[in-house]
Amino acid sequence: MTIDCSLLSVPDRQYFLQHLVAPRPVCFASTIDKEGNVNLSPFSFFNLFSSNPPIVIFSPSRRVRNNTNKHTLENVLEVPEVVINIVTYDMVQQTSLASCEYPKDVNEFIKAGFTQEPATLVKPPMVKESKAKLECRVLEVKPLGTDGGAGNLVICEVLRMHIDDSLLDDKGRPDQLKIQHVARLGADWYCKVSPGNLFRVEKPNTQLGIGMDMLPASIRNSSVLTGNHLGQLANVHALPEVNPSYDDAHLRQIVQYYSLNPEEMEREVHLHAARLLDEGKVADAWQVLLSFV
């Protein structure tokens, strides 16, 4: 399927994009107007865009059905401050409730059952139940259009962070295994970040990976190893050499059992290497593969 966005209705365009550009973190924004009325609303058009200066951006879109602005946008234009409360799994249902379009004089803190907590630098209150809060100054609001569905980029400088001790590791830094973020998908779908679905991808830093093109042809053209497997192998900084002292009992069994069938032996070697790569044992996988190159 190939789709020209200009041929889709705005609701259909939104449906496709929100399903494909996902998962998205949720900005739970507390704002205040010049009269002191508080608003609390979630937005999934949200992310981090700079660490120096520390900038996050969220986007309250104009309503598709009647092309009106949301109260959050009106508030930050009057009082350019916001608290971005990070949404975790234990508060997602209440957060969703706060997305109801209550009248402007209705406090979503009360409707959704959250507790207002005074911020330390800005006027809008924080959500006490949120385990991570960002006090922000609004630097700029950039409209992206005037029709229904058009976003408004609220560019925020993070002034102060409040992080519950339960989210920290023994070095006082946020522990990804403990936070349990939720993220927005399409329609009614969300996902939860939990230890069972987290995985690591080793990130190249000062040294360059050798790249796919430097992998031996028998490895690069493997019918067993996936693109992810090859990416792990190609991320080493130099092509490994065979370690004569390396010993792998399963590899010895493969060589012994398949010694008369080189094609089957190669397949079994690659299957064994794939299992090692799935376990993050890149150095071992290389030694297994080099035994058959």
Protein backbone atom coordinates (compact mmCIF):
# COMPACT_ATOMS: atom_id res chain seq x y z
CA MET A 1 0.00 0.00 0.00
CA THR A 2 1.21 3.47 -0.88
CA ILE A 3 -0.75 6.43 0.47
CA ASP A 4 -0.59 10.07 -0.55
CA CYS A 5 -1.26 12.01 2.67
CA SER A 6 -2.93 14.83 0.78
CA LEU A 7 -5.67 12.43 -0.36
CA LEU A 8 -6.62 11.31 3.16
CA SER A 9 -9.18 13.01 5.34
CA VAL A 10 -7.72 14.59 8.48
CA PRO A 11 -9.15 11.87 10.79
CA ASP A 12 -7.78 9.11 8.53
CA ARG A 13 -4.39 10.83 8.28
CA GLN A 14 -4.27 11.06 12.06
CA TYR A 15 -5.24 7.41 12.40
CA PHE A 16 -2.46 6.19 10.12
CA LEU A 17 0.24 8.44 11.55
CA GLN A 18 -0.57 7.71 15.19
CA HIS A 19 -0.38 3.98 14.55
CA LEU A 20 2.90 4.19 12.63
CA VAL A 21 4.79 6.89 14.54
CA ALA A 22 4.78 5.08 17.86
CA PRO A 23 5.33 4.48 20.68
CA ARG A 24 5.21 8.07 21.90
CA PRO A 25 5.91 9.21 25.49
CA VAL A 26 3.09 10.98 27.26
CA CYS A 27 3.41 14.56 28.46
CA PHE A 28 0.97 15.15 31.32
CA ALA A 29 0.92 18.95 31.30
CA SER A 30 -0.30 21.06 34.19
CA THR A 31 -0.84 24.71 33.30
CA ILE A 32 -2.56 27.75 34.74
CA ASP A 33 -4.30 30.78 33.24
CA LYS A 34 -3.93 34.39 34.32
CA GLU A 35 -6.99 34.05 36.57
CA GLY A 36 -5.41 31.14 38.44
CA ASN A 37 -7.53 28.35 36.91
CA VAL A 38 -5.56 25.11 36.70
CA ASN A 39 -5.67 22.69 33.76
CA LEU A 40 -4.24 19.17 33.52
CA SER A 41 -4.13 17.31 30.22
CA PRO A 42 -2.07 14.55 28.51
CA PHE A 43 -0.37 14.92 25.12
CA SER A 44 1.45 12.22 23.19
CA PHE A 45 2.98 14.56 20.63
CA PHE A 46 5.93 15.02 22.97
CA ASN A 47 9.66 14.39 23.22
CA LEU A 48 13.14 15.58 24.27
CA PHE A 49 14.93 17.71 21.69
CA SER A 50 18.02 19.11 23.42
CA SER A 51 20.02 18.56 26.58
CA ASN A 52 22.03 21.80 26.41
CA PRO A 53 19.88 23.80 26.75
CA PRO A 54 17.44 21.22 28.19
CA ILE A 55 14.48 21.47 25.80
CA VAL A 56 11.33 19.37 25.57
CA ILE A 57 8.48 20.04 23.15
CA PHE A 58 4.85 19.00 23.23
CA SER A 59 2.10 19.88 20.81
CA PRO A 60 -1.56 20.57 21.64
CA SER A 61 -3.25 20.18 18.26
CA ARG A 62 -6.29 22.17 17.18
CA ARG A 63 -9.41 20.04 17.54
CA VAL A 64 -10.26 18.28 14.27
CA ARG A 65 -14.04 18.40 14.65
CA ASN A 66 -14.45 22.13 15.29
CA ASN A 67 -10.99 23.69 14.84
CA THR A 68 -10.82 25.10 18.39
CA ASN A 69 -7.80 25.34 20.67
CA LYS A 70 -7.29 23.29 23.82
CA HIS A 71 -7.21 24.94 27.22
CA THR A 72 -3.57 23.95 27.72
CA LEU A 73 -2.55 26.02 24.70
CA GLU A 74 -4.60 29.00 25.84
CA ASN A 75 -3.01 28.78 29.28
CA VAL A 76 0.63 28.69 28.17
CA LEU A 77 -0.02 31.69 25.94
CA GLU A 78 -1.28 33.57 29.02
CA VAL A 79 1.18 32.16 31.58
CA PRO A 80 4.25 30.73 29.78
CA GLU A 81 5.03 28.02 32.33
CA VAL A 82 4.19 24.33 32.54
CA VAL A 83 4.91 21.29 34.67
CA ILE A 84 5.38 18.13 32.61
CA ASN A 85 4.46 15.19 34.81
CA ILE A 86 5.85 11.90 33.50
CA VAL A 87 3.21 9.18 33.15
CA THR A 88 3.92 5.72 34.53
CA TYR A 89 1.81 2.58 34.41
CA ASP A 90 0.32 3.01 37.86
CA MET A 91 -1.42 6.26 36.83
CA VAL A 92 -2.32 5.70 33.18
CA GLN A 93 -6.06 5.19 33.65
CA GLN A 94 -6.40 8.38 35.69
CA THR A 95 -4.30 10.22 33.12
CA SER A 96 -6.64 9.11 30.36
CA LEU A 97 -9.60 10.39 32.36
CA ALA A 98 -7.99 13.83 32.50
CA SER A 99 -8.07 13.96 28.69
CA CYS A 100 -11.87 14.44 28.78
CA GLU A 101 -12.82 17.85 27.43
CA TYR A 102 -14.23 19.36 30.60
CA PRO A 103 -15.26 23.03 30.62
CA LYS A 104 -12.47 25.53 31.25
CA ASP A 105 -13.49 26.19 34.85
CA VAL A 106 -13.30 22.47 35.76
CA ASN A 107 -10.11 21.30 37.48
CA GLU A 108 -8.93 18.00 35.97
CA PHE A 109 -6.88 17.30 39.10
CA ILE A 110 -10.17 16.83 40.92
CA LYS A 111 -11.95 14.98 38.10
CA ALA A 112 -9.09 12.50 37.65
CA GLY A 113 -8.38 12.13 41.36
CA PHE A 114 -4.87 13.58 41.38
CA THR A 115 -3.30 15.69 44.12
CA GLN A 116 -1.98 19.19 43.44
CA GLU A 117 1.51 19.78 44.75
CA PRO A 118 3.10 23.26 44.62
CA ALA A 119 5.96 23.61 42.17
CA THR A 120 9.13 25.33 43.33
CA LEU A 121 9.88 27.65 40.39
CA VAL A 122 6.72 27.93 38.28
CA LYS A 123 3.07 28.76 38.95
CA PRO A 124 1.31 25.57 37.70
CA PRO A 125 1.08 22.81 40.31
CA MET A 126 2.71 19.42 40.01
CA VAL A 127 0.94 16.05 40.08
CA LYS A 128 1.96 14.55 43.41
CA GLU A 129 1.30 11.00 42.19
CA SER A 130 3.72 11.36 39.27
CA LYS A 131 7.15 9.98 40.17
CA ALA A 132 9.01 12.36 37.85
CA LYS A 133 8.15 16.00 37.25
CA LEU A 134 9.76 18.65 35.04
CA GLU A 135 9.24 22.31 35.91
CA CYS A 136 9.49 24.25 32.66
CA ARG A 137 9.55 27.76 31.24
CA VAL A 138 7.77 28.09 27.88
CA LEU A 139 10.22 29.73 25.47
CA GLU A 140 8.05 29.80 22.36
CA VAL A 141 4.76 28.55 20.97
CA LYS A 142 5.03 27.85 17.25
CA PRO A 143 1.75 27.25 15.37
CA LEU A 144 2.02 24.74 12.52
CA GLY A 145 -1.25 25.70 10.84
CA THR A 146 -4.70 27.16 11.31
CA ASP A 147 -6.92 24.23 10.34
CA GLY A 148 -8.29 21.47 12.54
CA GLY A 149 -5.56 18.97 13.43
CA ALA A 150 -2.75 21.54 13.17
CA GLY A 151 -0.19 21.28 15.94
CA ASN A 152 1.24 24.03 18.13
CA LEU A 153 4.79 23.36 19.26
CA VAL A 154 5.18 24.37 22.89
CA ILE A 155 8.95 24.70 23.29
CA CYS A 156 9.88 24.30 26.94
CA GLU A 157 13.11 24.77 28.85
CA VAL A 158 13.40 22.34 31.77
CA LEU A 159 14.36 24.33 34.86
CA ARG A 160 14.13 21.69 37.59
CA MET A 161 13.45 17.96 37.82
CA HIS A 162 11.83 16.11 40.72
CA ILE A 163 12.43 12.34 40.75
CA ASP A 164 11.08 9.89 43.31
CA ASP A 165 13.86 7.98 45.07
CA SER A 166 12.16 4.69 44.14
CA LEU A 167 13.18 5.29 40.50
CA LEU A 168 16.89 5.70 41.25
CA ASP A 169 19.72 3.20 41.22
CA ASP A 170 22.40 2.97 43.89
CA LYS A 171 24.32 5.80 42.19
CA GLY A 172 21.38 8.18 42.38
CA ARG A 173 20.60 8.01 38.66
CA PRO A 174 17.29 7.03 37.02
CA ASP A 175 17.02 3.26 36.63
CA GLN A 176 15.24 2.35 33.40
CA LEU A 177 14.13 -0.96 34.90
CA LYS A 178 12.20 0.82 37.66
CA ILE A 179 10.38 3.63 35.88
CA GLN A 180 7.70 1.66 34.00
CA HIS A 181 6.90 4.36 31.46
CA VAL A 182 3.77 4.06 29.37
CA ALA A 183 3.69 5.11 25.74
CA ARG A 184 0.90 6.03 23.38
CA LEU A 185 0.16 4.06 20.23
CA GLY A 186 -2.79 4.39 17.84
CA ALA A 187 -6.49 4.48 18.74
CA ASP A 188 -6.98 3.09 22.29
CA TRP A 189 -3.62 1.30 22.38
CA TYR A 190 -0.78 1.91 24.85
CA CYS A 191 2.31 -0.05 25.81
CA LYS A 192 4.12 -0.45 29.12
CA VAL A 193 7.89 -0.40 29.51
CA SER A 194 8.72 -3.13 32.01
CA PRO A 195 11.79 -5.28 32.75
CA GLY A 196 10.33 -8.14 30.71
CA ASN A 197 10.27 -6.19 27.45
CA LEU A 198 13.44 -4.12 27.82
CA PHE A 199 16.57 -4.98 25.88
CA ARG A 200 19.93 -3.35 25.32
CA VAL A 201 21.53 -2.29 22.05
CA GLU A 202 25.22 -1.55 22.38
CA LYS A 203 25.78 1.96 21.13
CA PRO A 204 28.91 2.89 19.16
CA ASN A 205 30.70 5.80 20.80
CA THR A 206 34.22 6.97 20.04
CA GLN A 207 35.19 3.95 17.91
CA LEU A 208 33.53 2.97 14.66
CA GLY A 209 31.92 -0.39 13.98
CA ILE A 210 33.51 -2.27 11.08
CA GLY A 211 30.20 -2.22 9.18
CA MET A 212 28.25 -4.88 7.30
CA ASP A 213 30.48 -4.60 4.26
CA MET A 214 33.46 -5.88 6.25
CA LEU A 215 31.77 -9.08 7.40
CA PRO A 216 33.05 -12.26 5.75
CA ALA A 217 30.76 -13.21 2.85
CA SER A 218 29.69 -16.50 4.46
CA ILE A 219 28.43 -14.54 7.48
CA ARG A 220 27.00 -11.58 5.59
CA ASN A 221 25.02 -13.87 3.26
CA SER A 222 23.84 -16.25 5.98
CA SER A 223 20.35 -17.68 5.57
CA VAL A 224 20.08 -17.95 9.37
CA LEU A 225 21.47 -14.73 10.80
CA THR A 226 19.04 -11.81 10.73
CA GLY A 227 19.76 -8.16 10.09
CA ASN A 228 19.82 -7.60 13.84
CA HIS A 229 22.38 -10.37 14.26
CA LEU A 230 24.57 -8.97 11.51
CA GLY A 231 24.27 -5.51 13.04
CA GLN A 232 25.62 -6.84 16.32
CA LEU A 233 28.53 -8.53 14.59
CA ALA A 234 29.31 -5.46 12.48
CA ASN A 235 29.43 -3.21 15.54
CA VAL A 236 32.84 -4.52 16.68
CA HIS A 237 35.69 -2.08 16.23
CA ALA A 238 37.99 -4.54 14.48
CA LEU A 239 37.48 -7.89 12.80
CA PRO A 240 38.13 -10.44 15.58
CA GLU A 241 40.81 -13.09 15.27
CA VAL A 242 40.42 -16.75 16.09
CA ASN A 243 41.27 -17.46 19.71
CA PRO A 244 42.99 -20.89 19.72
CA SER A 245 42.10 -21.42 23.36
CA TYR A 246 38.39 -20.77 22.88
CA ASP A 247 36.37 -23.85 23.75
CA ASP A 248 32.64 -24.36 23.24
CA ALA A 249 31.18 -27.78 24.00
CA HIS A 250 28.17 -27.29 21.73
CA LEU A 251 30.41 -26.21 18.85
CA ARG A 252 32.50 -29.36 19.30
CA GLN A 253 29.33 -31.47 19.09
CA ILE A 254 28.27 -29.70 15.89
CA VAL A 255 31.64 -30.28 14.25
CA GLN A 256 31.68 -33.93 15.30
CA TYR A 257 28.09 -34.69 14.25
CA TYR A 258 28.04 -32.80 10.95
CA SER A 259 31.65 -33.36 9.83
CA LEU A 260 30.52 -35.12 6.64
CA ASN A 261 27.98 -32.46 5.66
CA PRO A 262 29.59 -28.98 5.45
CA GLU A 263 26.35 -27.22 4.47
CA GLU A 264 24.42 -28.58 7.45
CA MET A 265 27.40 -27.88 9.69
CA GLU A 266 27.47 -24.24 8.62
CA ARG A 267 23.74 -23.92 9.26
CA GLU A 268 24.07 -25.40 12.76
CA VAL A 269 27.05 -23.16 13.51
CA HIS A 270 25.04 -20.11 12.45
CA LEU A 271 22.05 -21.24 14.53
CA HIS A 272 24.32 -21.59 17.54
CA ALA A 273 25.83 -18.14 16.89
CA ALA A 274 22.35 -16.66 16.56
CA ARG A 275 21.40 -17.98 20.00
CA LEU A 276 24.55 -16.47 21.47
CA LEU A 277 23.82 -13.12 19.83
CA ASP A 278 20.27 -13.20 21.20
CA GLU A 279 21.88 -13.53 24.64
CA GLY A 280 24.18 -10.57 23.92
CA LYS A 281 27.31 -12.76 23.74
CA VAL A 282 28.86 -11.11 20.69
CA ALA A 283 32.47 -12.15 21.36
CA ASP A 284 31.42 -15.80 21.75
CA ALA A 285 29.32 -15.65 18.59
CA TRP A 286 32.30 -14.33 16.66
CA GLN A 287 34.52 -17.19 17.87
CA VAL A 288 31.86 -19.74 16.88
CA LEU A 289 31.48 -18.21 13.43
CA LEU A 290 35.20 -17.82 12.82
CA SER A 291 35.61 -21.53 13.40
CA PHE A 292 33.78 -22.11 10.13
CA VAL A 293 34.86 -19.15 7.96
